[in-house]
């Protein structure tokens, strides 16, 4: 699990404003999260869900696991 940055300690889904890619902080590569924080390009979502990120045009990073995808689909139903 990636280390949570202080600014996003209560966030699960973190988007990259530059690329419109959303990361699951629990499974994302640490380098990607560190880069987002350093560039101040992180985007949070309310509610903090993959579905909301998708509603805003973000696409999941390949590190997002299928279980999270299934949760998002169930929430849409």
C-alpha atoms as a PDB file:
ATOM      1  CA  UNK A   1       0.000   0.000   0.000  1.00  0.00           C
ATOM      2  CA  UNK A   2       1.259   3.443  -0.886  1.00  0.00           C
ATOM      3  CA  UNK A   3       2.065   5.853   1.902  1.00  0.00           C
ATOM      4  CA  UNK A   4      -0.672   8.452   2.230  1.00  0.00           C
ATOM      5  CA  UNK A   5       0.440  12.066   1.935  1.00  0.00           C
ATOM      6  CA  UNK A   6      -0.631  14.253   4.863  1.00  0.00           C
ATOM      7  CA  UNK A   7      -2.778  16.443   2.622  1.00  0.00           C
ATOM      8  CA  UNK A   8      -4.685  13.404   1.309  1.00  0.00           C
ATOM      9  CA  UNK A   9      -4.702  11.205   4.395  1.00  0.00           C
ATOM     10  CA  UNK A  10      -8.497  10.760   4.331  1.00  0.00           C
ATOM     11  CA  UNK A  11      -8.719  10.294   0.566  1.00  0.00           C
ATOM     12  CA  UNK A  12      -8.813   7.029  -1.343  1.00  0.00           C
ATOM     13  CA  UNK A  13      -9.122   8.288  -4.929  1.00  0.00           C
ATOM     14  CA  UNK A  14      -6.636  10.866  -6.165  1.00  0.00           C
ATOM     15  CA  UNK A  15      -6.745  12.268  -9.677  1.00  0.00           C
ATOM     16  CA  UNK A  16      -3.952  13.746 -11.746  1.00  0.00           C
ATOM     17  CA  UNK A  17      -5.205  17.030 -13.213  1.00  0.00           C
ATOM     18  CA  UNK A  18      -2.527  16.901 -15.913  1.00  0.00           C
ATOM     19  CA  UNK A  19      -3.459  13.520 -17.373  1.00  0.00           C
ATOM     20  CA  UNK A  20      -7.056  12.947 -16.149  1.00  0.00           C
ATOM     21  CA  UNK A  21      -5.952   9.636 -14.585  1.00  0.00           C
ATOM     22  CA  UNK A  22      -7.262   8.605 -11.173  1.00  0.00           C
ATOM     23  CA  UNK A  23      -5.258   6.513  -8.704  1.00  0.00           C
ATOM     24  CA  UNK A  24      -6.374   4.376  -5.798  1.00  0.00           C
ATOM     25  CA  UNK A  25      -3.957   5.537  -3.094  1.00  0.00           C
ATOM     26  CA  UNK A  26      -4.151   2.066  -1.548  1.00  0.00           C
ATOM     27  CA  UNK A  27      -2.662   0.368  -4.630  1.00  0.00           C
ATOM     28  CA  UNK A  28      -0.974   3.115  -6.663  1.00  0.00           C
ATOM     29  CA  UNK A  29       2.763   3.199  -7.274  1.00  0.00           C
ATOM     30  CA  UNK A  30       4.342   5.397  -4.591  1.00  0.00           C
ATOM     31  CA  UNK A  31       6.278   7.317  -7.249  1.00  0.00           C
ATOM     32  CA  UNK A  32       3.033   8.399  -8.921  1.00  0.00           C
ATOM     33  CA  UNK A  33       1.568   9.721  -5.669  1.00  0.00           C
ATOM     34  CA  UNK A  34       4.820  11.491  -4.784  1.00  0.00           C
ATOM     35  CA  UNK A  35       4.855  13.109  -8.232  1.00  0.00           C
ATOM     36  CA  UNK A  36       1.267  14.336  -7.856  1.00  0.00           C
ATOM     37  CA  UNK A  37       2.000  15.881  -4.474  1.00  0.00           C
ATOM     38  CA  UNK A  38       5.246  17.509  -5.649  1.00  0.00           C
ATOM     39  CA  UNK A  39       3.561  18.967  -8.741  1.00  0.00           C
ATOM     40  CA  UNK A  40       0.498  20.059  -6.733  1.00  0.00           C
ATOM     41  CA  UNK A  41      -1.611  18.404  -9.424  1.00  0.00           C
ATOM     42  CA  UNK A  42      -3.785  16.196  -7.207  1.00  0.00           C
ATOM     43  CA  UNK A  43      -7.562  16.274  -7.484  1.00  0.00           C
ATOM     44  CA  UNK A  44      -9.898  14.811  -4.876  1.00  0.00           C
ATOM     45  CA  UNK A  45     -13.537  13.921  -5.393  1.00  0.00           C
ATOM     46  CA  UNK A  46     -16.671  14.301  -3.320  1.00  0.00           C
ATOM     47  CA  UNK A  47     -17.919  11.728  -2.744  1.00  0.00           C
ATOM     48  CA  UNK A  48     -14.571   9.938  -2.667  1.00  0.00           C
ATOM     49  CA  UNK A  49     -15.483   7.206  -5.159  1.00  0.00           C
ATOM     50  CA  UNK A  50     -14.238   5.857  -8.459  1.00  0.00           C
ATOM     51  CA  UNK A  51     -17.673   6.529  -9.908  1.00  0.00           C
ATOM     52  CA  UNK A  52     -17.402  10.235  -9.081  1.00  0.00           C
ATOM     53  CA  UNK A  53     -13.918  10.401 -10.612  1.00  0.00           C
ATOM     54  CA  UNK A  54     -15.288   8.851 -13.792  1.00  0.00           C
ATOM     55  CA  UNK A  55     -18.190  11.306 -13.784  1.00  0.00           C
ATOM     56  CA  UNK A  56     -15.584  14.069 -13.907  1.00  0.00           C
ATOM     57  CA  UNK A  57     -13.816  12.518 -16.882  1.00  0.00           C
ATOM     58  CA  UNK A  58     -10.986  10.696 -15.093  1.00  0.00           C
ATOM     59  CA  UNK A  59      -9.999   7.199 -16.154  1.00  0.00           C
ATOM     60  CA  UNK A  60      -8.542   4.626 -13.745  1.00  0.00           C
ATOM     61  CA  UNK A  61      -4.813   3.963 -13.715  1.00  0.00           C
ATOM     62  CA  UNK A  62      -3.859   0.378 -14.552  1.00  0.00           C
ATOM     63  CA  UNK A  63      -2.976  -0.166 -10.868  1.00  0.00           C
ATOM     64  CA  UNK A  64      -6.670   0.094  -9.909  1.00  0.00           C
ATOM     65  CA  UNK A  65      -7.714  -3.431  -9.033  1.00  0.00           C
ATOM     66  CA  UNK A  66     -10.747  -5.237 -10.394  1.00  0.00           C
ATOM     67  CA  UNK A  67     -12.355  -5.373  -6.944  1.00  0.00           C
ATOM     68  CA  UNK A  68     -12.515  -1.579  -6.876  1.00  0.00           C
ATOM     69  CA  UNK A  69     -13.974  -1.615 -10.380  1.00  0.00           C
ATOM     70  CA  UNK A  70     -16.670  -4.061  -9.226  1.00  0.00           C
ATOM     71  CA  UNK A  71     -17.468  -1.858  -6.215  1.00  0.00           C
ATOM     72  CA  UNK A  72     -17.909   1.131  -8.512  1.00  0.00           C
ATOM     73  CA  UNK A  73     -20.196  -0.825 -10.832  1.00  0.00           C
ATOM     74  CA  UNK A  74     -22.307  -2.013  -7.892  1.00  0.00           C
ATOM     75  CA  UNK A  75     -22.622   1.563  -6.647  1.00  0.00           C
ATOM     76  CA  UNK A  76     -23.923   2.627 -10.055  1.00  0.00           C
ATOM     77  CA  UNK A  77     -26.645  -0.027 -10.038  1.00  0.00           C
END
